[in-house]
Amino acid sequence: MKVTGAGRTDRGVHATGQVVSLKAPEEFPLERLAPALRGLLPHDLSLRGHALAEPGFSARFSALERVYVYIILNRPAPSALLARYAHHVTNVLDLDPMRAAAAGLVGEHDFRSFAAAPADSPTVREVRRIRFEPRGELLRIEIAADGFLHHMVRTMVGTLIECGRGRRDPGGIPAILAARDRAAAGLTAPAHGLYLAGVRYPDGYDSFAEPPVLEGSDERA
């Protein structure tokens, strides 16, 4: 039985809105799927729900939009509790240059400079929005696009962080895109701050779920 995921995630990346599809025999008892899987899945993987899809549906190829959320803990001291769930940045980030740089990334562009992509693979994608939302000492960055390349979100975030630290000119984004060279962009941000948060489909279904680390108090140990 082939299982197809809506999006791949690197080792260490989290997913709150992953969608998978599979083709099962007609006699398959769908109502037994969720209870059966919940008894088999490891502790760090859970099933939120299930549904019967139209013939030809693919979690990957039927998707209209994918949304990733990246979480930064922006304070001098690290957090033992958030060490696996947020990227710790000690320098105070200036959001104005980060937003200015992000504006240059929105739209349809060739994102080869921001991805680990084979030389012969297509690298044009449409980034539809990049939003920044401070939540106490946490910074939430939401990036939505029609699709993403390998390491694309993490490299975009790493480049935005460099702009927020004053180490990179936010006006240089067009030149980075035009270079079509990974060396032109910034560092790849760590995997543990990244979440595949949602996938949207033509029938209106949206799997979006906020990362739990953003819930509750802003005071973190």
N, C-alpha and C. Protein backbone atom coordinates (compact mmCIF):
# COMPACT_ATOMS: atom_id res chain seq x y z
N MET A 1 0.86 -1.19 0.00
CA MET A 1 0.00 0.00 0.00
C MET A 1 0.89 1.24 0.00
N LYS A 2 0.83 2.04 -1.06
CA LYS A 2 1.67 3.22 -1.18
C LYS A 2 1.07 4.39 -0.41
N VAL A 3 1.90 5.04 0.39
CA VAL A 3 1.49 6.21 1.16
C VAL A 3 2.23 7.43 0.63
N THR A 4 1.50 8.50 0.33
CA THR A 4 2.10 9.72 -0.22
C THR A 4 1.91 10.86 0.76
N GLY A 5 3.00 11.56 1.09
CA GLY A 5 2.93 12.70 1.98
C GLY A 5 2.83 14.01 1.22
N ALA A 6 2.19 14.99 1.83
CA ALA A 6 2.02 16.30 1.18
C ALA A 6 3.34 17.04 1.05
N GLY A 7 4.24 16.81 1.97
CA GLY A 7 5.52 17.50 1.94
C GLY A 7 6.56 16.70 2.70
N ARG A 8 7.78 16.76 2.21
CA ARG A 8 8.86 16.07 2.90
C ARG A 8 9.45 17.01 3.95
N THR A 9 9.98 16.45 4.99
CA THR A 9 10.62 17.24 6.03
C THR A 9 11.99 16.66 6.33
N ASP A 10 12.97 17.55 6.52
CA ASP A 10 14.31 17.11 6.88
C ASP A 10 14.30 16.51 8.28
N ARG A 11 15.34 15.77 8.59
CA ARG A 11 15.50 15.24 9.94
C ARG A 11 15.53 16.39 10.94
N GLY A 12 14.68 16.32 11.94
CA GLY A 12 14.62 17.38 12.95
C GLY A 12 13.51 18.38 12.73
N VAL A 13 12.91 18.41 11.52
CA VAL A 13 11.79 19.31 11.23
C VAL A 13 10.51 18.68 11.77
N HIS A 14 9.60 19.51 12.26
CA HIS A 14 8.34 19.03 12.82
C HIS A 14 7.20 19.23 11.81
N ALA A 15 6.07 18.59 12.05
CA ALA A 15 4.90 18.77 11.19
C ALA A 15 3.64 18.71 12.05
N THR A 16 2.88 19.79 12.02
CA THR A 16 1.58 19.81 12.71
C THR A 16 0.43 19.68 11.72
N GLY A 17 0.72 19.89 10.42
CA GLY A 17 -0.33 19.86 9.42
C GLY A 17 -0.03 18.95 8.24
N GLN A 18 0.76 17.91 8.47
CA GLN A 18 1.09 16.98 7.39
C GLN A 18 -0.18 16.24 6.92
N VAL A 19 -0.25 15.97 5.63
CA VAL A 19 -1.36 15.22 5.05
C VAL A 19 -0.77 14.05 4.26
N VAL A 20 -1.36 12.88 4.41
CA VAL A 20 -0.92 11.71 3.64
C VAL A 20 -2.13 11.10 2.94
N SER A 21 -1.87 10.50 1.80
CA SER A 21 -2.93 9.83 1.07
C SER A 21 -2.50 8.42 0.73
N LEU A 22 -3.48 7.53 0.61
CA LEU A 22 -3.21 6.15 0.24
C LEU A 22 -4.42 5.58 -0.47
N LYS A 23 -4.18 4.57 -1.29
CA LYS A 23 -5.25 3.91 -2.01
C LYS A 23 -5.49 2.56 -1.35
N ALA A 24 -6.70 2.36 -0.88
CA ALA A 24 -7.04 1.14 -0.15
C ALA A 24 -8.12 0.36 -0.91
N PRO A 25 -8.23 -0.94 -0.68
CA PRO A 25 -9.29 -1.73 -1.30
C PRO A 25 -10.67 -1.21 -0.89
N GLU A 26 -11.66 -1.40 -1.75
CA GLU A 26 -13.01 -0.90 -1.45
C GLU A 26 -13.58 -1.48 -0.17
N GLU A 27 -13.18 -2.70 0.16
CA GLU A 27 -13.74 -3.33 1.35
C GLU A 27 -13.02 -2.91 2.63
N PHE A 28 -12.05 -2.01 2.49
CA PHE A 28 -11.29 -1.58 3.66
C PHE A 28 -12.21 -0.85 4.64
N PRO A 29 -12.25 -1.25 5.90
CA PRO A 29 -13.13 -0.58 6.89
C PRO A 29 -12.52 0.75 7.36
N LEU A 30 -12.91 1.83 6.71
CA LEU A 30 -12.30 3.13 6.97
C LEU A 30 -12.45 3.56 8.43
N GLU A 31 -13.56 3.20 9.06
CA GLU A 31 -13.80 3.62 10.44
C GLU A 31 -12.80 2.98 11.41
N ARG A 32 -12.13 1.94 10.98
CA ARG A 32 -11.15 1.28 11.84
C ARG A 32 -9.74 1.79 11.64
N LEU A 33 -9.56 2.68 10.64
CA LEU A 33 -8.21 3.14 10.32
C LEU A 33 -7.57 3.91 11.46
N ALA A 34 -8.27 4.94 11.95
CA ALA A 34 -7.68 5.78 12.99
C ALA A 34 -7.36 5.00 14.26
N PRO A 35 -8.28 4.21 14.82
CA PRO A 35 -7.94 3.45 16.03
C PRO A 35 -6.77 2.48 15.80
N ALA A 36 -6.73 1.86 14.62
CA ALA A 36 -5.66 0.91 14.35
C ALA A 36 -4.31 1.61 14.28
N LEU A 37 -4.26 2.73 13.59
CA LEU A 37 -2.99 3.45 13.46
C LEU A 37 -2.52 4.03 14.78
N ARG A 38 -3.45 4.52 15.57
CA ARG A 38 -3.06 5.09 16.86
C ARG A 38 -2.41 4.06 17.77
N GLY A 39 -2.77 2.80 17.56
CA GLY A 39 -2.15 1.74 18.36
C GLY A 39 -0.81 1.31 17.83
N LEU A 40 -0.48 1.71 16.59
CA LEU A 40 0.76 1.26 15.96
C LEU A 40 1.82 2.35 15.86
N LEU A 41 1.38 3.61 15.83
CA LEU A 41 2.33 4.70 15.60
C LEU A 41 3.25 4.92 16.80
N PRO A 42 4.48 5.39 16.58
CA PRO A 42 5.38 5.71 17.69
C PRO A 42 4.87 6.91 18.47
N HIS A 43 5.45 7.18 19.62
CA HIS A 43 4.93 8.21 20.52
C HIS A 43 5.04 9.62 19.94
N ASP A 44 5.96 9.83 19.00
CA ASP A 44 6.14 11.17 18.45
C ASP A 44 5.40 11.37 17.12
N LEU A 45 4.45 10.50 16.83
CA LEU A 45 3.65 10.61 15.62
C LEU A 45 2.19 10.31 15.96
N SER A 46 1.28 11.24 15.60
CA SER A 46 -0.12 11.05 15.94
C SER A 46 -1.01 11.34 14.74
N LEU A 47 -2.21 10.76 14.75
CA LEU A 47 -3.19 10.92 13.69
C LEU A 47 -4.31 11.82 14.19
N ARG A 48 -4.55 12.95 13.51
CA ARG A 48 -5.60 13.88 13.90
C ARG A 48 -6.96 13.49 13.36
N GLY A 49 -7.00 12.90 12.16
CA GLY A 49 -8.27 12.55 11.56
C GLY A 49 -8.06 11.89 10.22
N HIS A 50 -9.17 11.46 9.61
CA HIS A 50 -9.07 10.80 8.30
C HIS A 50 -10.37 11.07 7.53
N ALA A 51 -10.30 10.91 6.21
CA ALA A 51 -11.47 11.16 5.37
C ALA A 51 -11.31 10.40 4.06
N LEU A 52 -12.43 10.16 3.40
CA LEU A 52 -12.44 9.52 2.10
C LEU A 52 -12.30 10.60 1.03
N ALA A 53 -11.32 10.46 0.15
CA ALA A 53 -11.05 11.46 -0.88
C ALA A 53 -11.57 11.00 -2.24
N GLU A 54 -11.66 11.95 -3.16
CA GLU A 54 -12.09 11.64 -4.52
C GLU A 54 -11.02 10.81 -5.23
N PRO A 55 -11.42 9.97 -6.20
CA PRO A 55 -10.44 9.20 -6.97
C PRO A 55 -9.41 10.13 -7.63
N GLY A 56 -8.17 9.72 -7.59
CA GLY A 56 -7.11 10.53 -8.18
C GLY A 56 -6.48 11.53 -7.24
N PHE A 57 -7.03 11.65 -6.02
CA PHE A 57 -6.48 12.60 -5.06
C PHE A 57 -5.07 12.19 -4.64
N SER A 58 -4.18 13.15 -4.56
CA SER A 58 -2.82 12.94 -4.07
C SER A 58 -2.50 14.01 -3.04
N ALA A 59 -2.07 13.60 -1.86
CA ALA A 59 -1.71 14.57 -0.83
C ALA A 59 -0.64 15.52 -1.32
N ARG A 60 0.23 15.05 -2.19
CA ARG A 60 1.31 15.88 -2.71
C ARG A 60 0.88 16.71 -3.92
N PHE A 61 0.37 16.06 -4.96
CA PHE A 61 0.14 16.73 -6.23
C PHE A 61 -1.17 17.50 -6.28
N SER A 62 -2.11 17.23 -5.40
CA SER A 62 -3.37 17.97 -5.38
C SER A 62 -3.29 19.23 -4.53
N ALA A 63 -2.21 19.43 -3.81
CA ALA A 63 -2.08 20.57 -2.91
C ALA A 63 -1.98 21.88 -3.69
N LEU A 64 -2.67 22.90 -3.20
CA LEU A 64 -2.62 24.24 -3.78
C LEU A 64 -1.60 25.12 -3.09
N GLU A 65 -1.43 24.92 -1.80
CA GLU A 65 -0.55 25.79 -1.02
C GLU A 65 -0.04 25.05 0.21
N ARG A 66 1.21 25.29 0.53
CA ARG A 66 1.80 24.74 1.75
C ARG A 66 2.25 25.90 2.64
N VAL A 67 2.09 25.72 3.93
CA VAL A 67 2.46 26.77 4.90
C VAL A 67 3.44 26.20 5.90
N TYR A 68 4.56 26.88 6.04
CA TYR A 68 5.55 26.52 7.05
C TYR A 68 5.61 27.63 8.10
N VAL A 69 5.84 27.24 9.33
CA VAL A 69 6.05 28.19 10.42
C VAL A 69 7.43 27.93 11.01
N TYR A 70 8.19 29.00 11.17
CA TYR A 70 9.51 28.89 11.80
C TYR A 70 9.49 29.68 13.10
N ILE A 71 10.01 29.09 14.16
CA ILE A 71 9.96 29.71 15.49
C ILE A 71 11.37 30.00 15.99
N ILE A 72 11.56 31.24 16.41
CA ILE A 72 12.84 31.69 16.95
C ILE A 72 12.64 32.12 18.40
N LEU A 73 13.50 31.66 19.27
CA LEU A 73 13.57 32.16 20.64
C LEU A 73 14.63 33.26 20.65
N ASN A 74 14.19 34.51 20.80
CA ASN A 74 15.10 35.64 20.67
C ASN A 74 15.35 36.29 22.03
N ARG A 75 16.35 35.77 22.71
CA ARG A 75 16.74 36.31 24.01
C ARG A 75 18.17 35.84 24.31
N PRO A 76 18.85 36.44 25.27
CA PRO A 76 20.23 36.05 25.55
C PRO A 76 20.38 34.61 26.04
N ALA A 77 19.50 34.17 26.93
CA ALA A 77 19.65 32.84 27.54
C ALA A 77 18.90 31.79 26.74
N PRO A 78 19.48 30.61 26.58
CA PRO A 78 18.76 29.51 25.91
C PRO A 78 17.67 28.95 26.80
N SER A 79 16.85 28.08 26.24
CA SER A 79 15.78 27.41 26.99
C SER A 79 15.96 25.91 26.89
N ALA A 80 16.02 25.26 28.04
CA ALA A 80 16.13 23.80 28.04
C ALA A 80 14.87 23.16 27.48
N LEU A 81 13.71 23.77 27.76
CA LEU A 81 12.44 23.20 27.33
C LEU A 81 12.20 23.38 25.83
N LEU A 82 12.74 24.45 25.26
CA LEU A 82 12.50 24.74 23.84
C LEU A 82 13.66 24.35 22.94
N ALA A 83 14.65 23.69 23.48
CA ALA A 83 15.86 23.38 22.71
C ALA A 83 15.58 22.58 21.45
N ARG A 84 14.52 21.77 21.46
CA ARG A 84 14.18 20.95 20.29
C ARG A 84 13.11 21.58 19.41
N TYR A 85 12.54 22.71 19.84
CA TYR A 85 11.36 23.23 19.16
C TYR A 85 11.46 24.67 18.69
N ALA A 86 12.56 25.36 18.98
CA ALA A 86 12.74 26.73 18.54
C ALA A 86 14.23 27.00 18.37
N HIS A 87 14.57 27.82 17.38
CA HIS A 87 15.96 28.20 17.13
C HIS A 87 16.33 29.37 18.03
N HIS A 88 17.34 29.20 18.84
CA HIS A 88 17.75 30.23 19.78
C HIS A 88 18.68 31.23 19.09
N VAL A 89 18.29 32.51 19.08
CA VAL A 89 19.10 33.60 18.54
C VAL A 89 19.33 34.59 19.66
N THR A 90 20.58 34.82 20.02
CA THR A 90 20.88 35.68 21.17
C THR A 90 20.79 37.16 20.83
N ASN A 91 21.19 37.55 19.63
CA ASN A 91 21.15 38.95 19.25
C ASN A 91 19.71 39.42 19.07
N VAL A 92 19.42 40.64 19.51
CA VAL A 92 18.09 41.21 19.31
C VAL A 92 17.87 41.42 17.81
N LEU A 93 16.80 40.84 17.29
CA LEU A 93 16.52 40.94 15.86
C LEU A 93 15.70 42.19 15.56
N ASP A 94 16.12 42.92 14.53
CA ASP A 94 15.39 44.10 14.07
C ASP A 94 14.42 43.64 12.98
N LEU A 95 13.13 43.73 13.25
CA LEU A 95 12.13 43.21 12.33
C LEU A 95 11.96 44.07 11.08
N ASP A 96 12.30 45.35 11.13
CA ASP A 96 12.12 46.21 9.96
C ASP A 96 12.95 45.73 8.77
N PRO A 97 14.27 45.51 8.92
CA PRO A 97 15.02 44.99 7.76
C PRO A 97 14.61 43.57 7.38
N MET A 98 14.15 42.78 8.33
CA MET A 98 13.67 41.44 8.00
C MET A 98 12.43 41.52 7.12
N ARG A 99 11.52 42.41 7.46
CA ARG A 99 10.31 42.59 6.64
C ARG A 99 10.66 43.15 5.26
N ALA A 100 11.62 44.06 5.21
CA ALA A 100 12.03 44.62 3.92
C ALA A 100 12.63 43.55 3.03
N ALA A 101 13.44 42.68 3.60
CA ALA A 101 14.04 41.59 2.83
C ALA A 101 12.97 40.59 2.39
N ALA A 102 12.03 40.30 3.27
CA ALA A 102 10.97 39.35 2.95
C ALA A 102 10.12 39.84 1.79
N ALA A 103 9.90 41.15 1.69
CA ALA A 103 9.11 41.70 0.60
C ALA A 103 9.73 41.36 -0.76
N GLY A 104 11.06 41.28 -0.80
CA GLY A 104 11.74 40.94 -2.04
C GLY A 104 11.65 39.48 -2.41
N LEU A 105 11.23 38.64 -1.45
CA LEU A 105 11.09 37.21 -1.69
C LEU A 105 9.69 36.81 -2.11
N VAL A 106 8.71 37.67 -1.81
CA VAL A 106 7.31 37.36 -2.15
C VAL A 106 7.10 37.52 -3.65
N GLY A 107 6.39 36.56 -4.23
CA GLY A 107 6.15 36.58 -5.67
C GLY A 107 6.74 35.35 -6.33
N GLU A 108 6.63 35.29 -7.63
CA GLU A 108 7.19 34.17 -8.39
C GLU A 108 8.63 34.47 -8.77
N HIS A 109 9.54 33.64 -8.30
CA HIS A 109 10.97 33.84 -8.56
C HIS A 109 11.64 32.49 -8.77
N ASP A 110 12.85 32.56 -9.29
CA ASP A 110 13.71 31.39 -9.33
C ASP A 110 14.46 31.36 -8.01
N PHE A 111 14.19 30.34 -7.17
CA PHE A 111 14.75 30.27 -5.82
C PHE A 111 15.96 29.34 -5.73
N ARG A 112 16.67 29.16 -6.83
CA ARG A 112 17.83 28.26 -6.79
C ARG A 112 18.85 28.70 -5.74
N SER A 113 19.02 29.99 -5.54
CA SER A 113 19.99 30.48 -4.55
C SER A 113 19.61 30.10 -3.13
N PHE A 114 18.34 29.74 -2.91
CA PHE A 114 17.85 29.44 -1.57
C PHE A 114 17.59 27.95 -1.36
N ALA A 115 18.12 27.11 -2.22
CA ALA A 115 17.77 25.69 -2.13
C ALA A 115 18.95 24.79 -2.44
N ALA A 116 18.85 23.57 -1.92
CA ALA A 116 19.78 22.52 -2.28
C ALA A 116 19.10 21.72 -3.39
N ALA A 117 19.27 22.17 -4.63
CA ALA A 117 18.54 21.59 -5.76
C ALA A 117 19.51 21.11 -6.83
N PRO A 118 19.23 19.97 -7.44
CA PRO A 118 20.05 19.50 -8.56
C PRO A 118 20.07 20.53 -9.69
N ALA A 119 21.14 20.56 -10.46
CA ALA A 119 21.33 21.58 -11.49
C ALA A 119 20.23 21.55 -12.55
N ASP A 120 19.66 20.38 -12.82
CA ASP A 120 18.68 20.27 -13.90
C ASP A 120 17.23 20.32 -13.42
N SER A 121 17.02 20.61 -12.15
CA SER A 121 15.65 20.61 -11.62
C SER A 121 15.02 22.00 -11.72
N PRO A 122 13.69 22.09 -11.91
CA PRO A 122 13.02 23.40 -11.95
C PRO A 122 13.02 24.03 -10.57
N THR A 123 13.31 25.31 -10.50
CA THR A 123 13.45 25.98 -9.20
C THR A 123 12.60 27.24 -9.08
N VAL A 124 11.64 27.41 -9.96
CA VAL A 124 10.73 28.56 -9.88
C VAL A 124 9.56 28.20 -8.97
N ARG A 125 9.30 29.04 -7.99
CA ARG A 125 8.19 28.87 -7.08
C ARG A 125 7.53 30.22 -6.82
N GLU A 126 6.29 30.19 -6.33
CA GLU A 126 5.59 31.42 -5.98
C GLU A 126 5.41 31.48 -4.47
N VAL A 127 6.12 32.40 -3.83
CA VAL A 127 5.93 32.65 -2.41
C VAL A 127 4.79 33.65 -2.26
N ARG A 128 3.76 33.27 -1.54
CA ARG A 128 2.55 34.09 -1.48
C ARG A 128 2.50 35.04 -0.29
N ARG A 129 3.16 34.68 0.79
CA ARG A 129 3.21 35.60 1.93
C ARG A 129 4.32 35.18 2.89
N ILE A 130 4.87 36.18 3.56
CA ILE A 130 5.82 35.96 4.67
C ILE A 130 5.38 36.91 5.77
N ARG A 131 5.03 36.35 6.91
CA ARG A 131 4.54 37.15 8.02
C ARG A 131 5.41 36.95 9.26
N PHE A 132 5.60 38.04 9.98
CA PHE A 132 6.38 38.01 11.22
C PHE A 132 5.44 38.37 12.38
N GLU A 133 5.48 37.58 13.42
CA GLU A 133 4.60 37.83 14.57
C GLU A 133 5.38 37.59 15.87
N PRO A 134 5.79 38.67 16.55
CA PRO A 134 6.44 38.49 17.85
C PRO A 134 5.44 38.02 18.89
N ARG A 135 5.82 37.04 19.67
CA ARG A 135 4.98 36.56 20.77
C ARG A 135 5.87 36.47 22.00
N GLY A 136 6.00 37.61 22.68
CA GLY A 136 6.92 37.66 23.81
C GLY A 136 8.34 37.48 23.32
N GLU A 137 9.03 36.49 23.86
CA GLU A 137 10.41 36.23 23.45
C GLU A 137 10.49 35.32 22.22
N LEU A 138 9.35 34.87 21.74
CA LEU A 138 9.31 34.03 20.55
C LEU A 138 8.96 34.88 19.33
N LEU A 139 9.59 34.57 18.20
CA LEU A 139 9.25 35.19 16.94
C LEU A 139 8.72 34.11 16.01
N ARG A 140 7.49 34.30 15.55
CA ARG A 140 6.84 33.37 14.63
C ARG A 140 6.95 33.91 13.21
N ILE A 141 7.53 33.12 12.30
CA ILE A 141 7.64 33.50 10.90
C ILE A 141 6.81 32.50 10.09
N GLU A 142 5.83 33.00 9.36
CA GLU A 142 4.98 32.14 8.53
C GLU A 142 5.30 32.38 7.06
N ILE A 143 5.56 31.30 6.33
CA ILE A 143 5.88 31.40 4.91
C ILE A 143 4.95 30.45 4.14
N ALA A 144 4.21 31.00 3.17
CA ALA A 144 3.29 30.21 2.36
C ALA A 144 3.69 30.31 0.91
N ALA A 145 3.58 29.18 0.19
CA ALA A 145 3.94 29.15 -1.23
C ALA A 145 3.19 28.03 -1.92
N ASP A 146 3.23 28.05 -3.26
CA ASP A 146 2.62 26.95 -4.00
C ASP A 146 3.45 25.67 -3.88
N GLY A 147 4.69 25.81 -3.49
CA GLY A 147 5.57 24.66 -3.27
C GLY A 147 6.92 25.16 -2.79
N PHE A 148 7.71 24.24 -2.25
CA PHE A 148 9.02 24.61 -1.72
C PHE A 148 10.08 23.64 -2.21
N LEU A 149 11.30 24.16 -2.33
CA LEU A 149 12.45 23.35 -2.69
C LEU A 149 13.14 22.85 -1.42
N HIS A 150 14.03 21.88 -1.58
CA HIS A 150 14.76 21.33 -0.44
C HIS A 150 15.60 22.42 0.23
N HIS A 151 15.39 22.60 1.52
CA HIS A 151 16.09 23.59 2.34
C HIS A 151 15.67 25.03 2.03
N MET A 152 14.67 25.24 1.19
CA MET A 152 14.31 26.60 0.79
C MET A 152 13.86 27.46 1.96
N VAL A 153 12.94 26.95 2.78
CA VAL A 153 12.44 27.75 3.90
C VAL A 153 13.57 28.04 4.89
N ARG A 154 14.35 27.04 5.21
CA ARG A 154 15.43 27.23 6.19
C ARG A 154 16.48 28.22 5.71
N THR A 155 16.77 28.22 4.41
CA THR A 155 17.75 29.17 3.87
C THR A 155 17.17 30.57 3.81
N MET A 156 15.88 30.68 3.49
CA MET A 156 15.23 31.99 3.52
C MET A 156 15.26 32.56 4.93
N VAL A 157 14.92 31.73 5.92
CA VAL A 157 14.92 32.20 7.30
C VAL A 157 16.34 32.57 7.75
N GLY A 158 17.33 31.76 7.40
CA GLY A 158 18.70 32.08 7.76
C GLY A 158 19.14 33.41 7.17
N THR A 159 18.73 33.69 5.95
CA THR A 159 19.07 34.96 5.30
C THR A 159 18.34 36.11 5.97
N LEU A 160 17.08 35.91 6.33
CA LEU A 160 16.32 36.96 7.03
C LEU A 160 16.92 37.26 8.40
N ILE A 161 17.38 36.22 9.09
CA ILE A 161 18.03 36.42 10.40
C ILE A 161 19.27 37.29 10.24
N GLU A 162 20.06 37.03 9.20
CA GLU A 162 21.26 37.85 8.97
C GLU A 162 20.88 39.31 8.72
N CYS A 163 19.77 39.54 8.04
CA CYS A 163 19.29 40.91 7.85
C CYS A 163 18.87 41.53 9.18
N GLY A 164 18.19 40.74 10.01
CA GLY A 164 17.75 41.23 11.31
C GLY A 164 18.88 41.51 12.26
N ARG A 165 20.02 40.87 12.05
CA ARG A 165 21.20 41.10 12.87
C ARG A 165 22.07 42.24 12.33
N GLY A 166 21.71 42.77 11.19
CA GLY A 166 22.51 43.83 10.58
C GLY A 166 23.71 43.32 9.83
N ARG A 167 23.75 42.05 9.54
CA ARG A 167 24.90 41.45 8.85
C ARG A 167 24.70 41.33 7.35
N ARG A 168 23.51 41.66 6.88
CA ARG A 168 23.23 41.58 5.45
C ARG A 168 22.26 42.69 5.08
N ASP A 169 22.47 43.27 3.90
CA ASP A 169 21.63 44.36 3.40
C ASP A 169 20.32 43.77 2.89
N PRO A 170 19.18 44.17 3.47
CA PRO A 170 17.90 43.63 2.99
C PRO A 170 17.60 44.00 1.55
N GLY A 171 18.24 45.04 1.04
CA GLY A 171 18.05 45.42 -0.35
C GLY A 171 18.77 44.53 -1.33
N GLY A 172 19.54 43.58 -0.82
CA GLY A 172 20.31 42.71 -1.69
C GLY A 172 19.58 41.47 -2.15
N ILE A 173 18.32 41.29 -1.76
CA ILE A 173 17.57 40.08 -2.12
C ILE A 173 17.46 39.89 -3.63
N PRO A 174 17.12 40.93 -4.42
CA PRO A 174 17.04 40.72 -5.87
C PRO A 174 18.35 40.19 -6.47
N ALA A 175 19.47 40.66 -5.98
CA ALA A 175 20.76 40.20 -6.49
C ALA A 175 21.01 38.74 -6.11
N ILE A 176 20.56 38.35 -4.91
CA ILE A 176 20.72 36.94 -4.49
C ILE A 176 19.89 36.04 -5.40
N LEU A 177 18.66 36.44 -5.67
CA LEU A 177 17.79 35.66 -6.56
C LEU A 177 18.39 35.55 -7.96
N ALA A 178 18.90 36.66 -8.46
CA ALA A 178 19.46 36.69 -9.81
C ALA A 178 20.72 35.84 -9.93
N ALA A 179 21.45 35.68 -8.85
CA ALA A 179 22.70 34.92 -8.89
C ALA A 179 22.47 33.44 -9.19
N ARG A 180 21.34 32.91 -8.76
CA ARG A 180 21.03 31.47 -8.94
C ARG A 180 22.18 30.61 -8.43
N ASP A 181 22.70 31.01 -7.27
CA ASP A 181 23.87 30.34 -6.68
C ASP A 181 23.66 30.27 -5.17
N ARG A 182 23.66 29.06 -4.62
CA ARG A 182 23.42 28.88 -3.19
C ARG A 182 24.39 29.68 -2.33
N ALA A 183 25.60 29.90 -2.81
CA ALA A 183 26.59 30.64 -2.04
C ALA A 183 26.21 32.12 -1.86
N ALA A 184 25.28 32.61 -2.66
CA ALA A 184 24.90 34.02 -2.58
C ALA A 184 23.97 34.29 -1.40
N ALA A 185 23.24 33.29 -0.94
CA ALA A 185 22.28 33.47 0.15
C ALA A 185 22.94 33.21 1.50
N GLY A 186 22.15 33.34 2.56
CA GLY A 186 22.67 33.19 3.91
C GLY A 186 22.75 31.76 4.37
N LEU A 187 23.00 31.61 5.66
CA LEU A 187 23.12 30.28 6.26
C LEU A 187 21.77 29.57 6.28
N THR A 188 21.80 28.27 6.33
CA THR A 188 20.59 27.47 6.47
C THR A 188 20.22 27.40 7.95
N ALA A 189 19.06 27.91 8.31
CA ALA A 189 18.62 27.89 9.71
C ALA A 189 18.43 26.45 10.17
N PRO A 190 18.62 26.18 11.47
CA PRO A 190 18.49 24.80 11.98
C PRO A 190 17.10 24.21 11.75
N ALA A 191 17.07 22.90 11.61
CA ALA A 191 15.82 22.21 11.30
C ALA A 191 14.81 22.27 12.44
N HIS A 192 15.27 22.30 13.69
CA HIS A 192 14.35 22.11 14.82
C HIS A 192 13.39 23.29 15.04
N GLY A 193 13.61 24.42 14.37
CA GLY A 193 12.68 25.54 14.51
C GLY A 193 11.57 25.54 13.49
N LEU A 194 11.60 24.56 12.56
CA LEU A 194 10.69 24.57 11.41
C LEU A 194 9.54 23.59 11.58
N TYR A 195 8.34 24.02 11.13
CA TYR A 195 7.13 23.21 11.21
C TYR A 195 6.38 23.27 9.88
N LEU A 196 6.05 22.11 9.32
CA LEU A 196 5.08 22.06 8.22
C LEU A 196 3.72 22.19 8.89
N ALA A 197 3.12 23.38 8.79
CA ALA A 197 1.95 23.69 9.60
C ALA A 197 0.63 23.48 8.89
N GLY A 198 0.62 23.49 7.56
CA GLY A 198 -0.66 23.33 6.88
C GLY A 198 -0.54 23.13 5.39
N VAL A 199 -1.53 22.46 4.83
CA VAL A 199 -1.61 22.23 3.38
C VAL A 199 -3.06 22.49 2.96
N ARG A 200 -3.24 23.27 1.89
CA ARG A 200 -4.58 23.63 1.42
C ARG A 200 -4.87 22.94 0.09
N TYR A 201 -6.14 22.51 -0.07
CA TYR A 201 -6.54 21.74 -1.24
C TYR A 201 -7.72 22.39 -1.96
N PRO A 202 -7.99 21.98 -3.25
CA PRO A 202 -9.07 22.62 -4.04
C PRO A 202 -10.45 22.53 -3.41
N ASP A 203 -10.72 21.49 -2.64
CA ASP A 203 -12.07 21.35 -2.05
C ASP A 203 -12.27 22.22 -0.82
N GLY A 204 -11.28 23.04 -0.50
CA GLY A 204 -11.40 23.92 0.66
C GLY A 204 -10.78 23.38 1.93
N TYR A 205 -10.36 22.10 1.91
CA TYR A 205 -9.77 21.54 3.12
C TYR A 205 -8.40 22.17 3.38
N ASP A 206 -8.16 22.54 4.62
CA ASP A 206 -6.89 23.12 5.04
C ASP A 206 -6.47 22.41 6.32
N SER A 207 -5.30 21.80 6.31
CA SER A 207 -4.85 21.00 7.46
C SER A 207 -4.14 21.83 8.51
N PHE A 208 -4.15 23.16 8.39
CA PHE A 208 -3.32 24.00 9.25
C PHE A 208 -3.57 23.75 10.74
N ALA A 209 -2.48 23.62 11.49
CA ALA A 209 -2.53 23.51 12.94
C ALA A 209 -1.33 24.24 13.51
N GLU A 210 -1.56 25.17 14.42
CA GLU A 210 -0.49 25.97 15.02
C GLU A 210 0.44 25.08 15.83
N PRO A 211 1.74 25.28 15.72
CA PRO A 211 2.67 24.52 16.56
C PRO A 211 2.35 24.71 18.04
N PRO A 212 2.25 23.63 18.81
CA PRO A 212 1.88 23.72 20.23
C PRO A 212 2.84 24.58 21.05
N VAL A 213 4.08 24.72 20.61
CA VAL A 213 5.05 25.49 21.37
C VAL A 213 4.63 26.96 21.48
N LEU A 214 3.75 27.41 20.59
CA LEU A 214 3.29 28.80 20.62
C LEU A 214 2.11 29.01 21.55
N GLU A 215 1.56 27.93 22.07
CA GLU A 215 0.41 28.04 22.94
C GLU A 215 0.85 28.30 24.38
N GLY A 216 0.02 28.99 25.13
CA GLY A 216 0.30 29.18 26.55
C GLY A 216 1.13 30.41 26.84
N SER A 217 1.84 30.37 27.96
CA SER A 217 2.58 31.52 28.46
C SER A 217 3.79 31.81 27.62
N ASP A 218 4.18 33.10 27.60
CA ASP A 218 5.41 33.52 26.93
C ASP A 218 6.65 33.31 27.80
N GLU A 219 6.45 33.00 29.05
CA GLU A 219 7.58 32.78 29.95
C GLU A 219 8.08 31.35 29.80
N ARG A 220 9.31 31.19 29.37
CA ARG A 220 9.88 29.89 29.10
C ARG A 220 11.13 29.68 29.95
N ALA A 221 11.31 28.46 30.45
CA ALA A 221 12.48 28.16 31.28
C ALA A 221 13.71 27.95 30.43
